[in-house]
């Protein structure tokens, strides 16, 4: 079972996923700072200084913090946009590399194995 686990961990896709998760966590901190420190104050200028984080509705003892939800939606949209741009860029690079491979002329085809075997047989018959 330990060998199976080592084999599973050694696969490239598992390592790629781990790197993606780590980078995603770091990227989340950047997006959080971007939304909280730059976008919300900018939006606050246009909508009269409202801080989304403080928006809430209270019903009895319950408090519904819909401002935090708005912040989360903004963060999600930013992350989704950046991921979209990254995927689009990677796909463009793949397309460019595929076009370069297609543009290369095909190597001239050599004799087939059958042709080589026929030549060998003819040489053996001569000897």
N, C-alpha and C. Protein backbone atom coordinates (compact mmCIF):
# COMPACT_ATOMS: atom_id res chain seq x y z
N UNK A 1 0.82 -1.18 0.00
CA UNK A 1 0.00 0.00 0.00
C UNK A 1 0.88 1.26 0.00
N UNK A 2 1.99 1.21 0.69
CA UNK A 2 2.89 2.35 0.74
C UNK A 2 3.46 2.66 -0.65
N UNK A 3 3.79 1.60 -1.41
CA UNK A 3 4.30 1.80 -2.76
C UNK A 3 3.24 2.43 -3.66
N UNK A 4 2.00 2.00 -3.49
CA UNK A 4 0.91 2.58 -4.28
C UNK A 4 0.77 4.07 -3.96
N UNK A 5 0.89 4.40 -2.68
CA UNK A 5 0.79 5.80 -2.27
C UNK A 5 1.93 6.62 -2.88
N UNK A 6 3.16 6.07 -2.84
CA UNK A 6 4.30 6.76 -3.44
C UNK A 6 4.08 6.98 -4.93
N UNK A 7 3.55 5.97 -5.60
CA UNK A 7 3.27 6.08 -7.03
C UNK A 7 2.23 7.15 -7.30
N UNK A 8 1.20 7.19 -6.46
CA UNK A 8 0.14 8.19 -6.61
C UNK A 8 0.68 9.60 -6.44
N UNK A 9 1.50 9.79 -5.41
CA UNK A 9 2.05 11.11 -5.11
C UNK A 9 3.05 11.53 -6.19
N UNK A 10 3.77 10.59 -6.75
CA UNK A 10 4.80 10.90 -7.74
C UNK A 10 4.21 11.30 -9.09
N UNK A 11 2.93 11.03 -9.31
CA UNK A 11 2.32 11.40 -10.59
C UNK A 11 2.36 12.90 -10.75
N UNK A 12 2.57 13.34 -11.98
CA UNK A 12 2.68 14.77 -12.27
C UNK A 12 1.42 15.54 -11.96
N UNK A 13 0.25 14.95 -12.23
CA UNK A 13 -0.98 15.72 -12.03
C UNK A 13 -1.24 16.00 -10.56
N UNK A 14 -0.82 15.13 -9.67
CA UNK A 14 -1.00 15.38 -8.23
C UNK A 14 -0.10 16.53 -7.80
N UNK A 15 1.11 16.55 -8.29
CA UNK A 15 2.03 17.63 -7.93
C UNK A 15 1.55 18.95 -8.53
N UNK A 16 1.04 18.91 -9.75
CA UNK A 16 0.50 20.12 -10.37
C UNK A 16 -0.67 20.66 -9.56
N UNK A 17 -1.52 19.74 -9.09
CA UNK A 17 -2.66 20.16 -8.29
C UNK A 17 -2.21 20.80 -6.98
N UNK A 18 -1.19 20.22 -6.35
CA UNK A 18 -0.68 20.77 -5.09
C UNK A 18 -0.13 22.17 -5.31
N UNK A 19 0.62 22.35 -6.38
CA UNK A 19 1.16 23.68 -6.69
C UNK A 19 0.02 24.66 -6.93
N UNK A 20 -1.00 24.21 -7.64
CA UNK A 20 -2.15 25.07 -7.91
C UNK A 20 -2.87 25.50 -6.65
N UNK A 21 -3.02 24.58 -5.71
CA UNK A 21 -3.69 24.90 -4.46
C UNK A 21 -2.87 25.91 -3.65
N UNK A 22 -1.58 25.71 -3.61
CA UNK A 22 -0.71 26.63 -2.86
C UNK A 22 -0.75 28.01 -3.49
N UNK A 23 -0.63 28.08 -4.80
CA UNK A 23 -0.68 29.37 -5.48
C UNK A 23 -2.06 30.01 -5.34
N UNK A 24 -3.09 29.18 -5.36
CA UNK A 24 -4.45 29.71 -5.18
C UNK A 24 -4.63 30.34 -3.81
N UNK A 25 -4.07 29.72 -2.79
CA UNK A 25 -4.17 30.28 -1.43
C UNK A 25 -3.43 31.62 -1.35
N UNK A 26 -2.26 31.67 -1.96
CA UNK A 26 -1.51 32.93 -1.96
C UNK A 26 -2.24 33.99 -2.77
N UNK A 27 -2.83 33.59 -3.88
CA UNK A 27 -3.55 34.52 -4.74
C UNK A 27 -4.79 35.05 -4.04
N UNK A 28 -5.41 34.23 -3.21
CA UNK A 28 -6.59 34.67 -2.46
C UNK A 28 -6.25 35.84 -1.55
N UNK A 29 -5.09 35.79 -0.92
CA UNK A 29 -4.68 36.91 -0.06
C UNK A 29 -4.51 38.20 -0.87
N UNK A 30 -3.98 38.07 -2.07
CA UNK A 30 -3.80 39.24 -2.92
C UNK A 30 -5.16 39.81 -3.33
N UNK A 31 -6.07 38.92 -3.74
CA UNK A 31 -7.39 39.38 -4.16
C UNK A 31 -8.14 40.00 -2.99
N UNK A 32 -8.04 39.42 -1.82
CA UNK A 32 -8.70 39.98 -0.64
C UNK A 32 -8.20 41.39 -0.38
N UNK A 33 -6.90 41.58 -0.44
CA UNK A 33 -6.35 42.92 -0.23
C UNK A 33 -6.79 43.86 -1.34
N UNK A 34 -6.81 43.40 -2.57
CA UNK A 34 -7.25 44.23 -3.68
C UNK A 34 -8.68 44.72 -3.49
N UNK A 35 -9.57 43.80 -3.11
CA UNK A 35 -10.97 44.17 -2.92
C UNK A 35 -11.14 45.06 -1.71
N UNK A 36 -10.57 44.66 -0.58
CA UNK A 36 -10.77 45.41 0.67
C UNK A 36 -10.08 46.77 0.66
N UNK A 37 -8.87 46.82 0.09
CA UNK A 37 -8.07 48.03 0.22
C UNK A 37 -8.14 48.97 -0.99
N UNK A 38 -8.61 48.46 -2.13
CA UNK A 38 -8.61 49.32 -3.31
C UNK A 38 -9.98 49.44 -3.98
N UNK A 39 -10.64 48.32 -4.21
CA UNK A 39 -11.91 48.38 -4.95
C UNK A 39 -13.04 48.92 -4.09
N UNK A 40 -13.17 48.42 -2.86
CA UNK A 40 -14.25 48.91 -2.00
C UNK A 40 -14.15 50.41 -1.73
N UNK A 41 -12.97 50.96 -1.41
CA UNK A 41 -12.91 52.42 -1.24
C UNK A 41 -13.25 53.17 -2.53
N UNK A 42 -12.83 52.63 -3.68
CA UNK A 42 -13.15 53.27 -4.95
C UNK A 42 -14.66 53.25 -5.21
N UNK A 43 -15.29 52.11 -4.96
CA UNK A 43 -16.74 52.03 -5.10
C UNK A 43 -17.43 52.93 -4.09
N UNK A 44 -16.84 53.02 -2.90
CA UNK A 44 -17.41 53.89 -1.87
C UNK A 44 -17.46 55.34 -2.29
N UNK A 45 -16.47 55.78 -3.09
CA UNK A 45 -16.47 57.15 -3.61
C UNK A 45 -17.69 57.40 -4.50
N UNK A 46 -18.03 56.40 -5.30
CA UNK A 46 -19.13 56.56 -6.25
C UNK A 46 -20.51 56.39 -5.62
N UNK A 47 -20.57 55.62 -4.52
CA UNK A 47 -21.89 55.37 -3.91
C UNK A 47 -22.02 56.05 -2.55
N UNK A 48 -21.24 57.07 -2.33
CA UNK A 48 -21.42 57.88 -1.13
C UNK A 48 -20.69 57.38 0.10
N UNK A 49 -19.56 56.74 -0.05
CA UNK A 49 -18.75 56.33 1.09
C UNK A 49 -19.27 55.12 1.84
N UNK A 50 -20.12 54.33 1.22
CA UNK A 50 -20.64 53.14 1.90
C UNK A 50 -19.57 52.06 1.93
N UNK A 51 -19.33 51.51 3.10
CA UNK A 51 -18.41 50.40 3.27
C UNK A 51 -19.24 49.12 3.20
N UNK A 52 -19.01 48.30 2.16
CA UNK A 52 -19.80 47.08 2.00
C UNK A 52 -19.69 46.16 3.21
N UNK A 53 -18.49 46.09 3.81
CA UNK A 53 -18.29 45.18 4.94
C UNK A 53 -19.21 45.48 6.11
N UNK A 54 -19.66 46.71 6.23
CA UNK A 54 -20.50 47.09 7.35
C UNK A 54 -22.00 46.99 7.08
N UNK A 55 -22.37 46.65 5.85
CA UNK A 55 -23.80 46.56 5.52
C UNK A 55 -24.41 45.31 6.14
N UNK A 56 -25.51 45.51 6.86
CA UNK A 56 -26.18 44.37 7.47
C UNK A 56 -27.62 44.74 7.80
N UNK A 57 -28.40 43.71 7.96
CA UNK A 57 -29.79 43.86 8.38
C UNK A 57 -29.95 43.05 9.65
N UNK A 58 -30.50 43.66 10.66
CA UNK A 58 -30.71 42.96 11.92
C UNK A 58 -32.19 42.70 12.12
N UNK A 59 -32.49 41.46 12.49
CA UNK A 59 -33.86 41.06 12.82
C UNK A 59 -33.78 40.38 14.19
N UNK A 60 -34.21 41.07 15.18
CA UNK A 60 -34.09 40.55 16.54
C UNK A 60 -32.62 40.45 16.90
N UNK A 61 -32.20 39.28 17.34
CA UNK A 61 -30.80 39.05 17.67
C UNK A 61 -29.97 38.61 16.47
N UNK A 62 -30.64 38.27 15.39
CA UNK A 62 -29.93 37.80 14.19
C UNK A 62 -29.45 38.99 13.36
N UNK A 63 -28.26 38.85 12.81
CA UNK A 63 -27.68 39.90 11.97
C UNK A 63 -27.28 39.28 10.63
N UNK A 64 -27.82 39.80 9.54
CA UNK A 64 -27.52 39.31 8.20
C UNK A 64 -26.52 40.28 7.56
N UNK A 65 -25.27 39.85 7.46
CA UNK A 65 -24.19 40.69 6.95
C UNK A 65 -24.10 40.55 5.43
N UNK A 66 -25.02 41.17 4.72
CA UNK A 66 -25.02 41.04 3.26
C UNK A 66 -23.87 41.82 2.63
N UNK A 67 -23.29 42.75 3.34
CA UNK A 67 -22.12 43.47 2.83
C UNK A 67 -20.93 42.54 2.65
N UNK A 68 -20.75 41.62 3.59
CA UNK A 68 -19.68 40.62 3.45
C UNK A 68 -19.93 39.73 2.24
N UNK A 69 -21.20 39.43 1.98
CA UNK A 69 -21.54 38.63 0.81
C UNK A 69 -21.19 39.39 -0.47
N UNK A 70 -21.47 40.69 -0.51
CA UNK A 70 -21.11 41.50 -1.67
C UNK A 70 -19.60 41.48 -1.88
N UNK A 71 -18.84 41.61 -0.79
CA UNK A 71 -17.38 41.53 -0.89
C UNK A 71 -16.95 40.18 -1.46
N UNK A 72 -17.56 39.10 -0.99
CA UNK A 72 -17.20 37.77 -1.48
C UNK A 72 -17.51 37.62 -2.97
N UNK A 73 -18.63 38.19 -3.41
CA UNK A 73 -18.98 38.13 -4.84
C UNK A 73 -17.96 38.90 -5.67
N UNK A 74 -17.55 40.06 -5.20
CA UNK A 74 -16.54 40.85 -5.91
C UNK A 74 -15.23 40.07 -6.00
N UNK A 75 -14.82 39.46 -4.89
CA UNK A 75 -13.59 38.67 -4.90
C UNK A 75 -13.70 37.50 -5.87
N UNK A 76 -14.84 36.83 -5.87
CA UNK A 76 -15.04 35.70 -6.78
C UNK A 76 -14.93 36.16 -8.23
N UNK A 77 -15.57 37.27 -8.56
CA UNK A 77 -15.54 37.75 -9.93
C UNK A 77 -14.12 38.12 -10.37
N UNK A 78 -13.35 38.69 -9.47
CA UNK A 78 -11.97 39.03 -9.81
C UNK A 78 -11.16 37.76 -10.04
N UNK A 79 -11.28 36.78 -9.15
CA UNK A 79 -10.55 35.52 -9.31
C UNK A 79 -10.98 34.83 -10.60
N UNK A 80 -12.27 34.78 -10.87
CA UNK A 80 -12.77 34.13 -12.08
C UNK A 80 -12.22 34.83 -13.33
N UNK A 81 -12.17 36.17 -13.31
CA UNK A 81 -11.65 36.91 -14.45
C UNK A 81 -10.16 36.60 -14.68
N UNK A 82 -9.38 36.58 -13.60
CA UNK A 82 -7.95 36.29 -13.73
C UNK A 82 -7.73 34.87 -14.22
N UNK A 83 -8.49 33.91 -13.69
CA UNK A 83 -8.36 32.52 -14.16
C UNK A 83 -8.73 32.43 -15.63
N UNK A 84 -9.79 33.13 -16.04
CA UNK A 84 -10.18 33.16 -17.45
C UNK A 84 -9.04 33.68 -18.31
N UNK A 85 -8.41 34.78 -17.89
CA UNK A 85 -7.31 35.34 -18.66
C UNK A 85 -6.12 34.38 -18.71
N UNK A 86 -5.83 33.71 -17.59
CA UNK A 86 -4.73 32.74 -17.58
C UNK A 86 -5.00 31.58 -18.52
N UNK A 87 -6.20 31.01 -18.46
CA UNK A 87 -6.55 29.89 -19.34
C UNK A 87 -6.50 30.33 -20.80
N UNK A 88 -7.01 31.51 -21.07
CA UNK A 88 -6.99 32.03 -22.44
C UNK A 88 -5.55 32.19 -22.92
N UNK A 89 -4.67 32.70 -22.08
CA UNK A 89 -3.26 32.86 -22.44
C UNK A 89 -2.57 31.53 -22.68
N UNK A 90 -2.82 30.57 -21.80
CA UNK A 90 -2.22 29.24 -21.96
C UNK A 90 -2.71 28.58 -23.24
N UNK A 91 -4.00 28.70 -23.53
CA UNK A 91 -4.53 28.12 -24.76
C UNK A 91 -3.92 28.79 -25.99
N UNK A 92 -3.71 30.10 -25.92
CA UNK A 92 -3.08 30.80 -27.04
C UNK A 92 -1.66 30.29 -27.25
N UNK A 93 -0.92 30.09 -26.15
CA UNK A 93 0.44 29.56 -26.28
C UNK A 93 0.44 28.16 -26.87
N UNK A 94 -0.51 27.33 -26.44
CA UNK A 94 -0.61 25.97 -27.00
C UNK A 94 -0.91 26.02 -28.49
N UNK A 95 -1.84 26.90 -28.89
CA UNK A 95 -2.19 27.03 -30.30
C UNK A 95 -0.98 27.48 -31.11
N UNK A 96 -0.21 28.42 -30.56
CA UNK A 96 0.97 28.91 -31.28
C UNK A 96 1.99 27.80 -31.45
N UNK A 97 2.21 27.00 -30.41
CA UNK A 97 3.19 25.92 -30.52
C UNK A 97 2.70 24.83 -31.47
N UNK A 98 1.40 24.58 -31.50
CA UNK A 98 0.87 23.58 -32.44
C UNK A 98 1.02 24.06 -33.88
N UNK A 99 0.81 25.35 -34.11
CA UNK A 99 0.96 25.89 -35.47
C UNK A 99 2.41 25.79 -35.91
N UNK A 100 3.36 26.01 -35.00
CA UNK A 100 4.77 25.88 -35.35
C UNK A 100 5.10 24.44 -35.72
N UNK A 101 4.53 23.48 -34.98
CA UNK A 101 4.78 22.07 -35.28
C UNK A 101 4.17 21.69 -36.63
N UNK A 102 2.99 22.23 -36.94
CA UNK A 102 2.35 21.93 -38.21
C UNK A 102 3.13 22.54 -39.36
N UNK A 103 3.77 23.68 -39.12
CA UNK A 103 4.50 24.37 -40.17
C UNK A 103 5.79 23.64 -40.55
N UNK A 104 6.35 22.82 -39.68
CA UNK A 104 7.57 22.10 -39.97
C UNK A 104 7.29 21.07 -41.06
N UNK A 105 8.17 20.99 -42.05
CA UNK A 105 7.94 19.98 -43.09
C UNK A 105 8.14 18.58 -42.52
N UNK A 106 7.37 17.68 -43.05
CA UNK A 106 7.47 16.29 -42.59
C UNK A 106 8.80 15.70 -43.07
N UNK A 107 9.39 14.87 -42.26
CA UNK A 107 10.64 14.22 -42.63
C UNK A 107 10.37 13.28 -43.80
N UNK A 108 11.31 13.21 -44.73
CA UNK A 108 11.08 12.31 -45.86
C UNK A 108 10.97 10.87 -45.37
N UNK A 109 10.01 10.18 -45.93
CA UNK A 109 9.77 8.80 -45.52
C UNK A 109 10.85 7.90 -46.10
N UNK A 110 11.43 7.09 -45.29
CA UNK A 110 12.44 6.14 -45.75
C UNK A 110 11.78 4.85 -46.19
N UNK A 111 12.57 3.89 -46.54
CA UNK A 111 11.98 2.61 -46.97
C UNK A 111 11.29 1.93 -45.80
N UNK A 112 10.24 1.22 -46.11
CA UNK A 112 9.49 0.51 -45.07
C UNK A 112 10.26 -0.75 -44.67
N UNK A 113 9.80 -1.38 -43.61
CA UNK A 113 10.44 -2.62 -43.16
C UNK A 113 10.31 -3.71 -44.22
N UNK A 114 9.19 -3.73 -44.90
CA UNK A 114 8.98 -4.74 -45.94
C UNK A 114 10.00 -4.54 -47.06
N UNK A 115 10.21 -3.27 -47.45
CA UNK A 115 11.19 -3.00 -48.51
C UNK A 115 12.59 -3.42 -48.08
N UNK A 116 12.95 -3.12 -46.83
CA UNK A 116 14.26 -3.50 -46.32
C UNK A 116 14.42 -5.02 -46.30
N UNK A 117 13.39 -5.72 -45.87
CA UNK A 117 13.46 -7.18 -45.83
C UNK A 117 13.57 -7.77 -47.23
N UNK A 118 12.88 -7.17 -48.19
CA UNK A 118 12.99 -7.65 -49.58
C UNK A 118 14.41 -7.44 -50.10
N UNK A 119 15.00 -6.30 -49.79
CA UNK A 119 16.38 -6.04 -50.22
C UNK A 119 17.34 -7.03 -49.59
N UNK A 120 17.16 -7.33 -48.29
CA UNK A 120 18.02 -8.29 -47.61
C UNK A 120 17.87 -9.66 -48.24
N UNK A 121 16.61 -10.05 -48.52
CA UNK A 121 16.36 -11.36 -49.15
C UNK A 121 17.01 -11.46 -50.52
N UNK A 122 16.93 -10.36 -51.27
CA UNK A 122 17.57 -10.36 -52.60
C UNK A 122 19.07 -10.47 -52.49
N UNK A 123 19.69 -9.81 -51.51
CA UNK A 123 21.13 -9.91 -51.29
C UNK A 123 21.53 -11.31 -50.87
N UNK A 124 20.71 -11.94 -50.03
CA UNK A 124 21.01 -13.32 -49.59
C UNK A 124 20.91 -14.29 -50.76
N UNK A 125 19.98 -14.07 -51.66
CA UNK A 125 19.82 -14.96 -52.81
C UNK A 125 21.03 -14.83 -53.75
N UNK A 126 21.63 -13.63 -53.81
CA UNK A 126 22.81 -13.43 -54.66
C UNK A 126 24.01 -14.17 -54.12
N UNK A 127 24.10 -14.28 -52.81
CA UNK A 127 25.29 -14.85 -52.20
C UNK A 127 25.32 -16.35 -52.26
